[in-house]
């Protein structure tokens, strides 16, 4: 499964609305430091990057650019670690490890690359989102980061990201003025459970799949508006409370939420015991870290068990860390770095068939209410 040169050209034009100074696009990929650390999907992803490089070079005039480059570097071992000081331009050979990379590649300082290139796509093993966000602010380039990209995600690159941007912008316009959201869930078509999410003191964020502003970087595929519920850090208690049902495997687990934290876990199966133990061990795990309004499910896309795509398919609620979204809970709130977590629970039939979002209603300061979702479907587009 591949994108044609024409499809890639349209993708570039959609994701990166053109500025007069846009001349160079870099496709970034990470090479295993050692062959023993490689895996089949990583190999596949590097092959995809090479194919994109060749296709775009062959249709360079249609993109409006002057140069496309394949730029590789030794992997940085973990997600969002700093990039190395040096990278390598590649041509027709994909090296298998760092040693071969240094033999076949042309070395160049990353600083020079950032100064010279205006656009980047980064289908890498380890996420580059954080370092490219920071570097983008400094150098003014734009970047679409694609950590863990797989062939199954290619259909998500064929959709109309102008329409995706329109939809997530509509949700942002509606969620930013809200004081809170009432969410009603139905489990097994019978019993209702309610959650109120306190959205005061917060602004939402867009993940639209388009990067019209210089100096910005973010994930692709994209397609959500997300917001961190108020966590009580301003001295006033959070009003987030209720019962949050989550289907884990075949079992539904029920979290009792008070002041934006899960304080109890109910359920009769093994998963409930596991969740209770996790919460007791790491209270910060119970933080309501995100309300996400994904829209890609409306484009016919299905989950592939990769969070980069799956969370964008529909409404989701995340547990744990929130500071990277502008919230108050970060690594220092957990017992150790390995326990830090941000975990999305996605409310679509393919992932939680026993739990349906009956309704989501936004509340406003003027006492106005607006229902934006009913039976899992958006009402605002």
Protein backbone atom coordinates (compact mmCIF):
# COMPACT_ATOMS: atom_id res chain seq x y z
CA UNK A 1 0.00 0.00 0.00
CA UNK A 2 1.60 3.21 -1.18
CA UNK A 3 0.81 6.82 -1.99
CA UNK A 4 1.29 7.86 -5.61
CA UNK A 5 3.29 10.92 -6.56
CA UNK A 6 0.03 12.77 -7.21
CA UNK A 7 -1.38 11.78 -3.80
CA UNK A 8 1.83 12.83 -2.06
CA UNK A 9 1.78 16.16 -3.86
CA UNK A 10 -1.79 16.81 -2.75
CA UNK A 11 -0.90 15.77 0.80
CA UNK A 12 2.01 18.21 0.95
CA UNK A 13 -0.14 21.04 -0.41
CA UNK A 14 -2.91 20.29 2.08
CA UNK A 15 -0.71 19.82 5.15
CA UNK A 16 1.62 22.75 4.40
CA UNK A 17 -0.22 25.70 2.81
CA UNK A 18 2.51 27.32 0.74
CA UNK A 19 4.56 30.38 1.59
CA UNK A 20 6.70 32.08 -1.11
CA UNK A 21 9.87 31.03 0.72
CA UNK A 22 9.01 27.32 0.87
CA UNK A 23 11.70 25.68 -1.24
CA UNK A 24 12.93 22.56 0.56
CA UNK A 25 11.22 19.56 2.15
CA UNK A 26 13.14 17.12 4.33
CA UNK A 27 11.93 13.58 5.05
CA UNK A 28 13.45 12.56 8.37
CA UNK A 29 14.00 8.95 9.39
CA UNK A 30 15.89 7.31 12.23
CA UNK A 31 18.28 4.42 11.63
CA UNK A 32 18.83 1.73 14.30
CA UNK A 33 22.12 2.20 16.08
CA UNK A 34 22.46 -1.58 16.04
CA UNK A 35 20.77 -4.09 13.74
CA UNK A 36 19.73 -6.14 16.77
CA UNK A 37 17.43 -3.27 17.85
CA UNK A 38 15.56 -3.20 14.52
CA UNK A 39 12.03 -4.53 13.98
CA UNK A 40 9.89 -5.35 10.90
CA UNK A 41 7.62 -2.31 11.16
CA UNK A 42 10.60 0.01 11.51
CA UNK A 43 12.13 -1.49 8.36
CA UNK A 44 8.82 -1.07 6.57
CA UNK A 45 8.60 2.56 7.65
CA UNK A 46 12.08 3.34 6.32
CA UNK A 47 11.13 1.76 2.99
CA UNK A 48 7.99 3.92 2.89
CA UNK A 49 10.12 7.02 3.54
CA UNK A 50 12.47 6.08 0.70
CA UNK A 51 9.51 5.58 -1.66
CA UNK A 52 8.06 8.97 -0.68
CA UNK A 53 11.43 10.56 -1.34
CA UNK A 54 11.63 9.04 -4.83
CA UNK A 55 8.01 9.84 -5.72
CA UNK A 56 8.29 13.45 -4.59
CA UNK A 57 11.58 13.93 -6.41
CA UNK A 58 9.86 12.69 -9.54
CA UNK A 59 7.01 15.17 -9.16
CA UNK A 60 8.96 18.06 -7.68
CA UNK A 61 7.56 20.61 -10.13
CA UNK A 62 3.98 19.80 -9.09
CA UNK A 63 4.79 20.47 -5.42
CA UNK A 64 6.08 23.97 -6.11
CA UNK A 65 9.28 23.10 -4.22
CA UNK A 66 12.84 23.11 -5.45
CA UNK A 67 14.29 20.22 -3.45
CA UNK A 68 13.26 17.10 -1.53
CA UNK A 69 15.85 15.41 0.67
CA UNK A 70 15.99 12.15 2.61
CA UNK A 71 17.71 12.89 5.92
CA UNK A 72 18.66 10.11 8.34
CA UNK A 73 20.20 10.02 11.78
CA UNK A 74 21.02 7.36 14.42
CA UNK A 75 18.00 6.66 16.58
CA UNK A 76 17.69 8.58 19.85
CA UNK A 77 16.60 5.50 21.88
CA UNK A 78 13.42 7.00 23.36
CA UNK A 79 10.42 9.09 22.32
CA UNK A 80 10.95 12.85 22.21
CA UNK A 81 14.60 12.72 23.20
CA UNK A 82 16.82 15.45 21.76
CA UNK A 83 18.01 14.91 18.20
CA UNK A 84 21.74 14.33 17.65
CA UNK A 85 23.96 17.15 16.46
CA UNK A 86 24.60 15.52 13.08
CA UNK A 87 22.45 13.87 10.41
CA UNK A 88 23.15 12.41 6.97
CA UNK A 89 21.74 13.00 3.50
CA UNK A 90 20.85 9.73 1.74
CA UNK A 91 20.29 8.98 -1.91
CA UNK A 92 19.37 5.46 -3.08
CA UNK A 93 20.69 3.30 -0.24
CA UNK A 94 18.90 2.61 3.05
CA UNK A 95 21.55 1.73 5.65
CA UNK A 96 20.79 -1.00 8.16
CA UNK A 97 22.55 0.56 11.14
CA UNK A 98 24.54 3.55 12.34
CA UNK A 99 27.85 2.22 11.07
CA UNK A 100 26.54 1.85 7.50
CA UNK A 101 24.77 5.21 7.74
CA UNK A 102 28.09 6.91 8.32
CA UNK A 103 29.58 5.11 5.33
CA UNK A 104 26.89 5.85 2.74
CA UNK A 105 25.47 9.15 4.00
CA UNK A 106 26.70 12.71 3.58
CA UNK A 107 27.08 14.30 7.04
CA UNK A 108 25.50 17.64 7.85
CA UNK A 109 24.77 19.45 11.12
CA UNK A 110 21.12 19.46 12.17
CA UNK A 111 21.45 23.17 12.84
CA UNK A 112 22.29 23.73 9.16
CA UNK A 113 19.37 21.54 8.09
CA UNK A 114 16.96 23.51 10.26
CA UNK A 115 18.26 26.77 8.84
CA UNK A 116 18.03 25.55 5.25
CA UNK A 117 14.75 23.59 5.11
CA UNK A 118 11.27 25.01 5.53
CA UNK A 119 9.22 21.79 5.70
CA UNK A 120 9.69 18.36 7.28
CA UNK A 121 7.89 15.04 7.43
CA UNK A 122 9.17 12.64 10.10
CA UNK A 123 7.94 9.01 9.84
CA UNK A 124 10.24 7.79 12.63
CA UNK A 125 10.43 4.96 15.14
CA UNK A 126 10.90 7.32 18.08
CA UNK A 127 8.78 10.45 18.24
CA UNK A 128 10.40 13.72 17.19
CA UNK A 129 7.42 15.88 18.15
CA UNK A 130 8.95 17.62 21.16
CA UNK A 131 12.39 18.43 19.65
CA UNK A 132 10.85 19.56 16.35
CA UNK A 133 8.33 21.74 18.16
CA UNK A 134 11.17 23.44 20.00
CA UNK A 135 13.39 23.76 16.92
CA UNK A 136 10.47 24.95 14.78
CA UNK A 137 9.89 27.86 17.15
CA UNK A 138 13.56 28.80 16.85
CA UNK A 139 14.08 28.36 13.11
CA UNK A 140 10.59 28.95 11.74
CA UNK A 141 10.12 25.67 9.83
CA UNK A 142 6.99 23.51 9.85
CA UNK A 143 6.97 19.77 10.56
CA UNK A 144 4.52 16.87 10.43
CA UNK A 145 5.67 14.23 12.92
CA UNK A 146 4.60 10.64 12.28
CA UNK A 147 5.98 8.42 15.08
CA UNK A 148 5.16 4.75 14.67
CA UNK A 149 3.71 5.32 11.21
CA UNK A 150 2.56 2.11 9.56
CA UNK A 151 1.13 1.13 6.16
CA UNK A 152 -2.29 0.79 7.81
CA UNK A 153 -2.27 4.56 8.34
CA UNK A 154 -1.89 5.41 4.67
CA UNK A 155 -5.69 5.69 4.10
CA UNK A 156 -5.64 8.44 6.75
CA UNK A 157 -3.32 10.45 4.51
CA UNK A 158 -5.72 10.30 1.57
CA UNK A 159 -8.55 12.19 3.25
CA UNK A 160 -9.34 15.87 2.79
CA UNK A 161 -7.46 17.65 5.56
CA UNK A 162 -9.09 20.93 4.66
CA UNK A 163 -12.40 19.34 5.72
CA UNK A 164 -10.75 17.83 8.80
CA UNK A 165 -9.51 21.30 9.76
CA UNK A 166 -12.98 22.76 9.25
CA UNK A 167 -14.54 20.21 11.59
CA UNK A 168 -12.03 20.44 14.42
CA UNK A 169 -12.20 24.24 14.19
CA UNK A 170 -15.99 24.10 14.66
CA UNK A 171 -15.52 22.01 17.80
CA UNK A 172 -12.86 24.39 19.13
CA UNK A 173 -15.14 27.37 18.64
CA UNK A 174 -17.79 25.61 20.71
CA UNK A 175 -15.62 24.11 23.45
CA UNK A 176 -13.48 27.16 24.29
CA UNK A 177 -16.32 29.23 25.82
CA UNK A 178 -17.77 26.28 27.77
CA UNK A 179 -17.73 26.03 31.53
CA UNK A 180 -18.20 22.27 31.42
CA UNK A 181 -19.47 19.22 29.58
CA UNK A 182 -22.14 16.75 30.65
CA UNK A 183 -21.45 13.31 29.18
CA UNK A 184 -23.94 10.44 29.45
CA UNK A 185 -22.81 6.88 28.74
CA UNK A 186 -24.99 3.80 28.21
CA UNK A 187 -23.55 0.38 29.09
CA UNK A 188 -24.94 -2.71 27.34
CA UNK A 189 -27.84 -0.66 26.02
CA UNK A 190 -29.39 -0.45 29.48
CA UNK A 191 -27.85 1.47 32.35
CA UNK A 192 -26.85 5.13 32.13
CA UNK A 193 -23.84 6.71 33.82
CA UNK A 194 -23.07 10.42 33.92
CA UNK A 195 -19.88 12.46 34.03
CA UNK A 196 -19.47 16.21 34.40
CA UNK A 197 -16.14 17.58 33.15
CA UNK A 198 -15.11 20.98 34.50
CA UNK A 199 -13.67 22.96 31.56
CA UNK A 200 -13.23 26.34 33.23
CA UNK A 201 -9.89 28.17 32.97
CA UNK A 202 -8.90 26.18 29.89
CA UNK A 203 -8.47 26.62 26.14
CA UNK A 204 -8.60 23.74 23.70
CA UNK A 205 -5.97 22.70 21.18
CA UNK A 206 -6.30 21.77 17.52
CA UNK A 207 -4.74 18.79 15.80
CA UNK A 208 -6.02 19.47 12.32
CA UNK A 209 -3.47 17.83 10.05
CA UNK A 210 -2.63 21.25 8.61
CA UNK A 211 0.25 23.49 9.57
CA UNK A 212 -0.48 26.93 8.12
CA UNK A 213 1.66 28.82 10.64
CA UNK A 214 5.42 29.01 10.49
CA UNK A 215 7.29 27.56 13.44
CA UNK A 216 4.77 24.82 14.19
CA UNK A 217 5.08 21.05 14.42
CA UNK A 218 2.59 18.30 15.26
CA UNK A 219 1.28 14.84 14.50
CA UNK A 220 0.05 13.46 11.22
CA UNK A 221 -2.41 11.74 10.81
CA UNK A 222 -4.40 14.31 12.73
CA UNK A 223 -7.99 15.17 13.39
CA UNK A 224 -9.08 16.19 16.89
CA UNK A 225 -9.79 19.06 19.23
CA UNK A 226 -8.65 18.34 22.78
CA UNK A 227 -8.80 20.09 26.13
CA UNK A 228 -7.52 19.39 29.64
CA UNK A 229 -10.26 19.48 32.31
CA UNK A 230 -9.61 21.92 35.13
CA UNK A 231 -7.47 20.13 37.75
CA UNK A 232 -7.93 22.41 40.75
CA UNK A 233 -4.51 24.05 40.62
CA UNK A 234 -5.95 27.59 40.98
CA UNK A 235 -7.09 26.96 44.53
CA UNK A 236 -10.71 26.34 43.58
CA UNK A 237 -11.71 22.68 43.58
CA UNK A 238 -12.39 21.02 40.25
CA UNK A 239 -16.03 20.18 39.63
CA UNK A 240 -15.24 17.16 37.47
CA UNK A 241 -17.14 14.20 38.94
CA UNK A 242 -19.30 11.21 38.15
CA UNK A 243 -18.97 7.59 37.07
CA UNK A 244 -16.78 6.88 34.05
CA UNK A 245 -17.32 3.45 32.47
CA UNK A 246 -14.45 2.05 30.42
CA UNK A 247 -14.48 -1.22 28.52
CA UNK A 248 -11.17 -3.04 28.89
CA UNK A 249 -11.16 -6.22 26.86
CA UNK A 250 -14.54 -7.86 27.45
CA UNK A 251 -15.00 -6.25 30.86
CA UNK A 252 -16.47 -2.87 31.79
CA UNK A 253 -14.68 -1.12 34.64
CA UNK A 254 -16.32 1.79 36.50
CA UNK A 255 -14.23 4.68 37.81
CA UNK A 256 -15.70 6.98 40.46
CA UNK A 257 -14.40 10.48 39.75
CA UNK A 258 -14.28 13.29 42.31
CA UNK A 259 -12.48 16.63 41.89
CA UNK A 260 -11.08 15.41 38.54
CA UNK A 261 -9.48 12.29 40.03
CA UNK A 262 -10.50 8.64 39.97
CA UNK A 263 -10.87 7.65 43.63
CA UNK A 264 -12.56 4.24 43.35
CA UNK A 265 -12.70 1.40 40.83
CA UNK A 266 -15.62 -1.03 40.58
CA UNK A 267 -16.11 -4.13 38.50
CA UNK A 268 -16.19 -7.87 38.98
CA UNK A 269 -13.35 -9.04 36.76
CA UNK A 270 -9.58 -9.15 36.66
CA UNK A 271 -9.28 -5.83 34.84
CA UNK A 272 -11.04 -4.02 37.69
CA UNK A 273 -8.53 -5.49 40.14
CA UNK A 274 -5.64 -4.42 37.92
CA UNK A 275 -7.01 -0.89 37.57
CA UNK A 276 -7.60 -0.61 41.32
CA UNK A 277 -4.02 -1.72 42.00
CA UNK A 278 -2.69 0.75 39.43
CA UNK A 279 -4.65 3.60 40.96
CA UNK A 280 -3.55 2.73 44.50
CA UNK A 281 0.06 2.51 43.36
CA UNK A 282 -0.05 5.68 41.26
CA UNK A 283 -2.81 8.13 42.28
CA UNK A 284 -1.75 10.51 39.48
CA UNK A 285 -2.85 7.86 36.99
CA UNK A 286 -6.42 8.70 38.02
CA UNK A 287 -6.16 12.30 36.83
CA UNK A 288 -8.65 13.20 34.09
CA UNK A 289 -6.03 14.52 31.69
CA UNK A 290 -7.89 15.13 28.44
CA UNK A 291 -11.22 15.29 26.68
CA UNK A 292 -10.58 14.61 23.02
CA UNK A 293 -13.01 15.09 20.14
CA UNK A 294 -11.66 13.07 17.23
CA UNK A 295 -13.33 13.32 13.82
CA UNK A 296 -11.54 10.83 11.56
CA UNK A 297 -14.13 8.10 12.14
CA UNK A 298 -16.52 10.17 10.03
CA UNK A 299 -14.15 9.63 7.08
CA UNK A 300 -14.54 5.86 7.23
CA UNK A 301 -11.24 5.17 8.99
CA UNK A 302 -10.96 2.26 11.43
CA UNK A 303 -8.69 1.66 14.44
CA UNK A 304 -5.39 -0.09 13.81
CA UNK A 305 -4.19 -0.41 17.42
CA UNK A 306 -1.84 2.57 17.07
CA UNK A 307 -2.73 5.50 19.30
CA UNK A 308 -1.37 8.05 16.77
CA UNK A 309 -4.39 7.25 14.61
CA UNK A 310 -6.92 5.58 16.90
CA UNK A 311 -7.41 8.51 19.28
CA UNK A 312 -8.38 10.72 16.32
CA UNK A 313 -11.34 8.48 15.39
CA UNK A 314 -13.83 9.70 18.00
CA UNK A 315 -14.50 10.98 21.49
CA UNK A 316 -11.90 9.93 24.05
CA UNK A 317 -10.93 10.51 27.67
CA UNK A 318 -7.34 10.28 28.87
CA UNK A 319 -5.96 9.36 32.28
CA UNK A 320 -2.72 10.59 33.82
CA UNK A 321 -0.22 13.18 32.64
CA UNK A 322 -1.53 16.51 31.30
CA UNK A 323 1.33 19.01 31.51
CA UNK A 324 2.32 18.54 27.86
CA UNK A 325 -1.17 19.81 26.97
CA UNK A 326 -1.03 22.77 29.34
CA UNK A 327 -2.34 20.95 32.41
CA UNK A 328 -0.92 20.63 35.91
CA UNK A 329 -0.01 16.94 36.28
CA UNK A 330 3.46 15.96 35.11
CA UNK A 331 6.26 13.47 35.75
CA UNK A 332 6.92 14.80 39.26
CA UNK A 333 3.45 13.62 40.28
CA UNK A 334 4.37 9.99 39.60
CA UNK A 335 6.61 7.75 41.68
CA UNK A 336 9.20 7.28 38.93
CA UNK A 337 9.75 8.13 35.25
CA UNK A 338 8.72 4.63 34.15
CA UNK A 339 5.31 5.09 35.81
CA UNK A 340 4.47 8.31 33.93
CA UNK A 341 1.47 7.67 31.69
CA UNK A 342 -1.04 9.42 29.45
CA UNK A 343 -3.58 6.79 28.43
CA UNK A 344 -6.51 7.42 26.08
CA UNK A 345 -9.76 5.47 26.28
CA UNK A 346 -11.58 5.78 22.95
CA UNK A 347 -15.39 5.62 22.84
CA UNK A 348 -16.15 4.13 19.45
CA UNK A 349 -17.88 0.78 18.70
CA UNK A 350 -14.67 -0.86 17.48
CA UNK A 351 -12.84 -0.23 20.76
CA UNK A 352 -15.67 -0.13 23.34
CA UNK A 353 -18.73 -1.89 21.87
CA UNK A 354 -20.44 -2.21 25.26
CA UNK A 355 -20.20 1.52 26.08
CA UNK A 356 -21.97 4.15 23.96
CA UNK A 357 -21.79 7.91 24.36
CA UNK A 358 -25.49 8.73 24.55
CA UNK A 359 -24.93 12.47 24.65
CA UNK A 360 -22.43 15.26 25.21
CA UNK A 361 -23.84 18.65 26.20
CA UNK A 362 -21.74 21.80 26.55
CA UNK A 363 -22.68 24.31 29.26
CA UNK A 364 -22.04 28.04 28.95
CA UNK A 365 -21.86 30.93 31.43
CA UNK A 366 -25.12 32.40 30.15
CA UNK A 367 -26.86 29.11 31.13
CA UNK A 368 -27.14 28.12 27.48
CA UNK A 369 -26.66 24.46 26.67
CA UNK A 370 -25.77 22.80 23.37
CA UNK A 371 -25.82 19.11 22.56
CA UNK A 372 -22.87 18.33 20.30
CA UNK A 373 -23.05 14.52 20.23
CA UNK A 374 -25.85 11.97 20.35
CA UNK A 375 -25.45 8.19 20.26
CA UNK A 376 -21.82 8.55 19.29
CA UNK A 377 -22.48 10.90 16.36
CA UNK A 378 -21.60 14.59 16.15
CA UNK A 379 -24.50 17.02 15.63
CA UNK A 380 -22.51 20.14 14.75
CA UNK A 381 -21.18 19.51 11.22
